[in-house]
Each structure stands twice: as structure tokens, then as C-alpha cells.
Amino acid sequence: MINLRFSKLPRHRKFNYSPVYYNEGQEELHARVDDIKREMGEKTHTQDSVKENIRRAYQAKQVDTRYGTIPSQKYYSLRLVLIASVLGVIFFYLWNSNLLETIYGSLKK
């Protein structure tokens, strides 16, 4: 029998997933213990330990900037409240003045 196919159907894909359990606190504890041991002279600095120190320094910097320690992000809500209050005061003075009535009266003519 002749198998004539105009398109090839994809086969199902198999995957092997094994979950990885990561405890950030425990990793930080081990890293701090290793740093202290290196300072005391029990361990020597290796290339991997230097890379890990650099990685932790950059990660700490990214966490700081992510959660709004940049001065422009710190005062965002304060600026927003200040702008809203200034606009509210301007609206209040316009609402109580005769300026809106004169503008509406001139447009009505």
C-alpha cells in the first residue's frame, strides 16, 4: 500500500522533568559560612568562590533597585499626591469663581 501524505503530523514530545528544590536561606547561610572560613584562613579563595561573590553582589544590587530604593521611585507617591492636591485646589477655585459662568455664557451665545 502506498503512503501518500501531504503533510507530516508532529509526534508527541516526551520530556523528563525532575523538580529542583531550592532553599535560598540555606544557600545564603552556606555562602556566609564559607566566606567566614576564607577570612579565618581555613579555606582558600577559588575561582568559583570569587564568581559567586560577584554574583551575590550584583544580585543584591538588583534587588535594591527592583524594590524602589532609587530616589525617583521613593518619592513617586508623594509627587502624585502633591500634583493631585494642586489640581484639586485649582479646580476648587475655578468652580467657585465666575470664570466658568462667563465662559459658558459666551459659548451659549
N, C-alpha and C. Protein backbone atom coordinates (compact mmCIF):
# COMPACT_ATOMS: atom_id res chain seq x y z
N MET A 1 0.83 -1.16 0.00
CA MET A 1 0.00 0.00 0.00
C MET A 1 0.89 1.24 0.00
N ILE A 2 0.47 2.24 -0.70
CA ILE A 2 1.26 3.46 -0.84
C ILE A 2 0.83 4.46 0.23
N ASN A 3 1.81 4.99 0.96
CA ASN A 3 1.52 6.02 1.97
C ASN A 3 1.72 7.39 1.35
N LEU A 4 0.66 8.01 0.98
CA LEU A 4 0.72 9.36 0.45
C LEU A 4 0.28 10.34 1.55
N ARG A 5 1.21 11.20 1.90
CA ARG A 5 0.88 12.21 2.91
C ARG A 5 1.23 13.58 2.35
N PHE A 6 0.30 14.52 2.51
CA PHE A 6 0.59 15.87 2.07
C PHE A 6 1.23 16.71 3.18
N SER A 7 1.03 16.28 4.38
CA SER A 7 1.67 16.97 5.49
C SER A 7 2.10 15.94 6.52
N LYS A 8 3.13 16.29 7.25
CA LYS A 8 3.64 15.39 8.26
C LYS A 8 3.09 15.81 9.61
N LEU A 9 2.44 14.91 10.28
CA LEU A 9 1.88 15.21 11.60
C LEU A 9 2.99 15.13 12.65
N PRO A 10 3.02 16.10 13.53
CA PRO A 10 4.06 16.06 14.57
C PRO A 10 3.79 14.97 15.58
N ARG A 11 4.85 14.37 16.05
CA ARG A 11 4.72 13.34 17.08
C ARG A 11 4.74 14.01 18.44
N HIS A 12 4.21 13.32 19.41
CA HIS A 12 4.21 13.89 20.76
C HIS A 12 5.64 13.94 21.28
N ARG A 13 5.88 14.97 22.07
CA ARG A 13 7.22 15.17 22.62
C ARG A 13 7.27 14.66 24.04
N LYS A 14 8.29 13.92 24.32
CA LYS A 14 8.48 13.41 25.66
C LYS A 14 9.48 14.30 26.38
N PHE A 15 9.26 14.49 27.65
CA PHE A 15 10.21 15.26 28.43
C PHE A 15 10.38 14.60 29.78
N ASN A 16 11.51 14.87 30.37
CA ASN A 16 11.84 14.30 31.67
C ASN A 16 12.01 15.47 32.63
N TYR A 17 11.03 15.70 33.47
CA TYR A 17 11.06 16.82 34.41
C TYR A 17 11.26 16.30 35.82
N SER A 18 12.31 16.76 36.43
CA SER A 18 12.51 16.45 37.85
C SER A 18 12.62 17.78 38.58
N PRO A 19 11.74 18.06 39.52
CA PRO A 19 11.75 19.35 40.20
C PRO A 19 13.00 19.52 41.06
N VAL A 20 13.47 20.76 41.11
CA VAL A 20 14.65 21.10 41.89
C VAL A 20 14.18 21.92 43.08
N TYR A 21 14.55 21.49 44.26
CA TYR A 21 14.16 22.20 45.47
C TYR A 21 15.29 23.12 45.87
N TYR A 22 14.99 24.40 45.99
CA TYR A 22 15.99 25.42 46.26
C TYR A 22 15.59 26.17 47.51
N ASN A 23 16.46 26.17 48.49
CA ASN A 23 16.22 26.91 49.72
C ASN A 23 17.21 28.08 49.75
N GLU A 24 16.69 29.27 49.49
CA GLU A 24 17.56 30.44 49.38
C GLU A 24 18.25 30.77 50.70
N GLY A 25 17.53 30.63 51.79
CA GLY A 25 18.13 30.91 53.09
C GLY A 25 19.29 29.99 53.40
N GLN A 26 19.12 28.71 53.09
CA GLN A 26 20.17 27.74 53.34
C GLN A 26 21.39 28.03 52.46
N GLU A 27 21.17 28.40 51.20
CA GLU A 27 22.28 28.74 50.31
C GLU A 27 23.04 29.96 50.82
N GLU A 28 22.31 30.97 51.29
CA GLU A 28 22.98 32.16 51.82
C GLU A 28 23.78 31.83 53.08
N LEU A 29 23.22 30.95 53.92
CA LEU A 29 23.92 30.54 55.13
C LEU A 29 25.24 29.84 54.79
N HIS A 30 25.19 28.91 53.83
CA HIS A 30 26.41 28.21 53.42
C HIS A 30 27.43 29.18 52.83
N ALA A 31 26.95 30.14 52.05
CA ALA A 31 27.87 31.11 51.45
C ALA A 31 28.52 31.97 52.52
N ARG A 32 27.75 32.40 53.53
CA ARG A 32 28.33 33.21 54.61
C ARG A 32 29.34 32.40 55.43
N VAL A 33 29.02 31.14 55.69
CA VAL A 33 29.94 30.28 56.44
C VAL A 33 31.23 30.10 55.65
N ASP A 34 31.13 29.89 54.36
CA ASP A 34 32.33 29.75 53.52
C ASP A 34 33.15 31.04 53.51
N ASP A 35 32.47 32.20 53.45
CA ASP A 35 33.18 33.48 53.49
C ASP A 35 33.95 33.65 54.80
N ILE A 36 33.31 33.29 55.90
CA ILE A 36 33.97 33.41 57.20
C ILE A 36 35.15 32.46 57.30
N LYS A 37 35.00 31.25 56.78
CA LYS A 37 36.11 30.30 56.79
C LYS A 37 37.28 30.81 55.95
N ARG A 38 36.98 31.47 54.82
CA ARG A 38 38.05 32.03 53.99
C ARG A 38 38.75 33.17 54.71
N GLU A 39 37.97 34.00 55.44
CA GLU A 39 38.58 35.10 56.19
C GLU A 39 39.47 34.59 57.31
N MET A 40 39.09 33.47 57.92
CA MET A 40 39.88 32.91 59.01
C MET A 40 41.07 32.10 58.49
N GLY A 41 41.10 31.83 57.19
CA GLY A 41 42.24 31.13 56.61
C GLY A 41 42.04 29.63 56.51
N GLU A 42 40.89 29.12 56.86
CA GLU A 42 40.65 27.68 56.76
C GLU A 42 40.45 27.24 55.32
N LYS A 43 39.90 28.13 54.50
CA LYS A 43 39.68 27.82 53.09
C LYS A 43 40.42 28.84 52.25
N THR A 44 40.76 28.45 51.04
CA THR A 44 41.40 29.39 50.13
C THR A 44 40.38 29.89 49.12
N HIS A 45 40.66 31.05 48.56
CA HIS A 45 39.79 31.59 47.52
C HIS A 45 39.99 30.81 46.24
N THR A 46 38.92 30.36 45.67
CA THR A 46 38.97 29.69 44.38
C THR A 46 38.27 30.57 43.36
N GLN A 47 38.41 30.20 42.12
CA GLN A 47 37.78 30.98 41.06
C GLN A 47 36.25 30.92 41.20
N ASP A 48 35.73 29.77 41.60
CA ASP A 48 34.29 29.64 41.79
C ASP A 48 33.79 30.51 42.94
N SER A 49 34.55 30.60 44.01
CA SER A 49 34.11 31.41 45.14
C SER A 49 34.12 32.89 44.79
N VAL A 50 35.10 33.32 44.00
CA VAL A 50 35.14 34.72 43.57
C VAL A 50 33.96 35.02 42.66
N LYS A 51 33.65 34.11 41.74
CA LYS A 51 32.50 34.30 40.86
C LYS A 51 31.20 34.36 41.66
N GLU A 52 31.09 33.51 42.66
CA GLU A 52 29.88 33.50 43.49
C GLU A 52 29.75 34.81 44.28
N ASN A 53 30.85 35.35 44.78
CA ASN A 53 30.81 36.62 45.49
C ASN A 53 30.36 37.75 44.57
N ILE A 54 30.86 37.76 43.35
CA ILE A 54 30.45 38.78 42.39
C ILE A 54 28.98 38.63 42.05
N ARG A 55 28.53 37.38 41.85
CA ARG A 55 27.13 37.12 41.53
C ARG A 55 26.21 37.59 42.65
N ARG A 56 26.59 37.32 43.90
CA ARG A 56 25.77 37.76 45.04
C ARG A 56 25.73 39.27 45.16
N ALA A 57 26.85 39.93 44.85
CA ALA A 57 26.89 41.40 44.92
C ALA A 57 25.95 42.01 43.88
N TYR A 58 25.99 41.50 42.66
CA TYR A 58 25.10 42.01 41.62
C TYR A 58 23.65 41.69 41.94
N GLN A 59 23.38 40.52 42.49
CA GLN A 59 22.02 40.14 42.83
C GLN A 59 21.47 41.05 43.92
N ALA A 60 22.28 41.38 44.90
CA ALA A 60 21.83 42.28 45.97
C ALA A 60 21.56 43.66 45.41
N LYS A 61 22.36 44.10 44.46
CA LYS A 61 22.13 45.42 43.85
C LYS A 61 20.84 45.42 43.06
N GLN A 62 20.55 44.35 42.33
CA GLN A 62 19.32 44.29 41.54
C GLN A 62 18.10 44.26 42.44
N VAL A 63 18.18 43.58 43.57
CA VAL A 63 17.05 43.53 44.49
C VAL A 63 16.79 44.91 45.06
N ASP A 64 17.84 45.67 45.37
CA ASP A 64 17.67 47.02 45.89
C ASP A 64 16.99 47.91 44.87
N THR A 65 17.41 47.85 43.62
CA THR A 65 16.81 48.72 42.62
C THR A 65 15.41 48.25 42.25
N ARG A 66 15.14 46.98 42.37
CA ARG A 66 13.83 46.47 42.00
C ARG A 66 12.75 46.94 42.95
N TYR A 67 13.07 47.06 44.22
CA TYR A 67 12.04 47.40 45.19
C TYR A 67 12.03 48.87 45.56
N GLY A 68 12.53 49.72 44.70
CA GLY A 68 12.31 51.14 44.83
C GLY A 68 13.23 51.88 45.76
N THR A 69 14.50 51.56 45.78
CA THR A 69 15.41 52.35 46.59
C THR A 69 16.02 53.49 45.79
N ILE A 70 15.70 53.58 44.52
CA ILE A 70 16.15 54.71 43.71
C ILE A 70 15.35 55.93 44.18
N PRO A 71 15.98 57.07 44.39
CA PRO A 71 15.27 58.24 44.92
C PRO A 71 14.06 58.65 44.08
N SER A 72 14.14 58.52 42.78
CA SER A 72 12.99 58.90 41.96
C SER A 72 11.80 57.99 42.20
N GLN A 73 12.04 56.74 42.54
CA GLN A 73 10.94 55.82 42.81
C GLN A 73 10.43 55.96 44.23
N LYS A 74 11.28 56.42 45.14
CA LYS A 74 10.86 56.56 46.53
C LYS A 74 9.78 57.62 46.68
N TYR A 75 9.93 58.72 45.97
CA TYR A 75 9.02 59.85 46.15
C TYR A 75 7.94 59.91 45.08
N TYR A 76 7.70 58.83 44.37
CA TYR A 76 6.68 58.81 43.32
C TYR A 76 5.30 59.08 43.89
N SER A 77 4.93 58.40 44.94
CA SER A 77 3.59 58.58 45.51
C SER A 77 3.44 59.96 46.13
N LEU A 78 4.51 60.49 46.70
CA LEU A 78 4.45 61.84 47.27
C LEU A 78 4.22 62.87 46.17
N ARG A 79 4.92 62.72 45.05
CA ARG A 79 4.71 63.63 43.93
C ARG A 79 3.31 63.50 43.37
N LEU A 80 2.80 62.28 43.30
CA LEU A 80 1.46 62.06 42.78
C LEU A 80 0.41 62.74 43.66
N VAL A 81 0.55 62.64 44.96
CA VAL A 81 -0.39 63.28 45.89
C VAL A 81 -0.27 64.79 45.79
N LEU A 82 0.94 65.30 45.66
CA LEU A 82 1.15 66.74 45.55
C LEU A 82 0.51 67.30 44.28
N ILE A 83 0.70 66.62 43.16
CA ILE A 83 0.10 67.07 41.90
C ILE A 83 -1.42 67.00 41.98
N ALA A 84 -1.96 65.93 42.55
CA ALA A 84 -3.42 65.81 42.68
C ALA A 84 -3.98 66.90 43.57
N SER A 85 -3.28 67.25 44.64
CA SER A 85 -3.79 68.29 45.52
C SER A 85 -3.73 69.66 44.85
N VAL A 86 -2.68 69.95 44.09
CA VAL A 86 -2.60 71.23 43.38
C VAL A 86 -3.71 71.33 42.34
N LEU A 87 -3.94 70.26 41.60
CA LEU A 87 -5.04 70.26 40.62
C LEU A 87 -6.39 70.39 41.31
N GLY A 88 -6.54 69.79 42.47
CA GLY A 88 -7.79 69.93 43.22
C GLY A 88 -8.03 71.35 43.68
N VAL A 89 -6.99 72.01 44.14
CA VAL A 89 -7.12 73.41 44.57
C VAL A 89 -7.47 74.30 43.38
N ILE A 90 -6.82 74.09 42.25
CA ILE A 90 -7.13 74.87 41.04
C ILE A 90 -8.57 74.64 40.62
N PHE A 91 -9.01 73.41 40.62
CA PHE A 91 -10.40 73.10 40.26
C PHE A 91 -11.37 73.75 41.24
N PHE A 92 -11.05 73.75 42.52
CA PHE A 92 -11.92 74.35 43.53
C PHE A 92 -12.07 75.85 43.29
N TYR A 93 -10.95 76.54 43.00
CA TYR A 93 -11.02 77.99 42.75
C TYR A 93 -11.77 78.29 41.45
N LEU A 94 -11.60 77.46 40.45
CA LEU A 94 -12.34 77.68 39.21
C LEU A 94 -13.83 77.42 39.41
N TRP A 95 -14.17 76.45 40.22
CA TRP A 95 -15.57 76.11 40.45
C TRP A 95 -16.29 77.22 41.21
N ASN A 96 -15.61 77.86 42.15
CA ASN A 96 -16.22 78.92 42.95
C ASN A 96 -16.12 80.30 42.31
N SER A 97 -15.39 80.44 41.24
CA SER A 97 -15.26 81.75 40.60
C SER A 97 -16.32 81.93 39.52
N ASN A 98 -16.43 83.12 39.01
CA ASN A 98 -17.38 83.42 37.94
C ASN A 98 -16.78 83.16 36.58
N LEU A 99 -15.56 82.71 36.53
CA LEU A 99 -14.88 82.49 35.25
C LEU A 99 -15.59 81.41 34.43
N LEU A 100 -16.02 80.33 35.08
CA LEU A 100 -16.71 79.27 34.35
C LEU A 100 -18.05 79.75 33.82
N GLU A 101 -18.73 80.58 34.59
CA GLU A 101 -20.03 81.10 34.14
C GLU A 101 -19.87 82.03 32.95
N THR A 102 -18.82 82.84 32.97
CA THR A 102 -18.60 83.74 31.83
C THR A 102 -18.21 82.96 30.59
N ILE A 103 -17.41 81.92 30.74
CA ILE A 103 -17.02 81.10 29.58
C ILE A 103 -18.24 80.38 29.04
N TYR A 104 -19.06 79.81 29.92
CA TYR A 104 -20.26 79.09 29.49
C TYR A 104 -21.25 80.05 28.86
N GLY A 105 -21.37 81.26 29.40
CA GLY A 105 -22.29 82.24 28.85
C GLY A 105 -21.85 82.69 27.47
N SER A 106 -20.55 82.86 27.25
CA SER A 106 -20.07 83.29 25.94
C SER A 106 -20.19 82.16 24.91
N LEU A 107 -20.07 80.93 25.32
CA LEU A 107 -20.24 79.82 24.39
C LEU A 107 -21.70 79.59 24.05
N LYS A 108 -22.58 79.95 24.95
CA LYS A 108 -24.01 79.73 24.75
C LYS A 108 -24.56 80.72 23.72
N LYS A 109 -23.95 81.90 23.61
CA LYS A 109 -24.42 82.92 22.65
C LYS A 109 -24.11 82.53 21.28
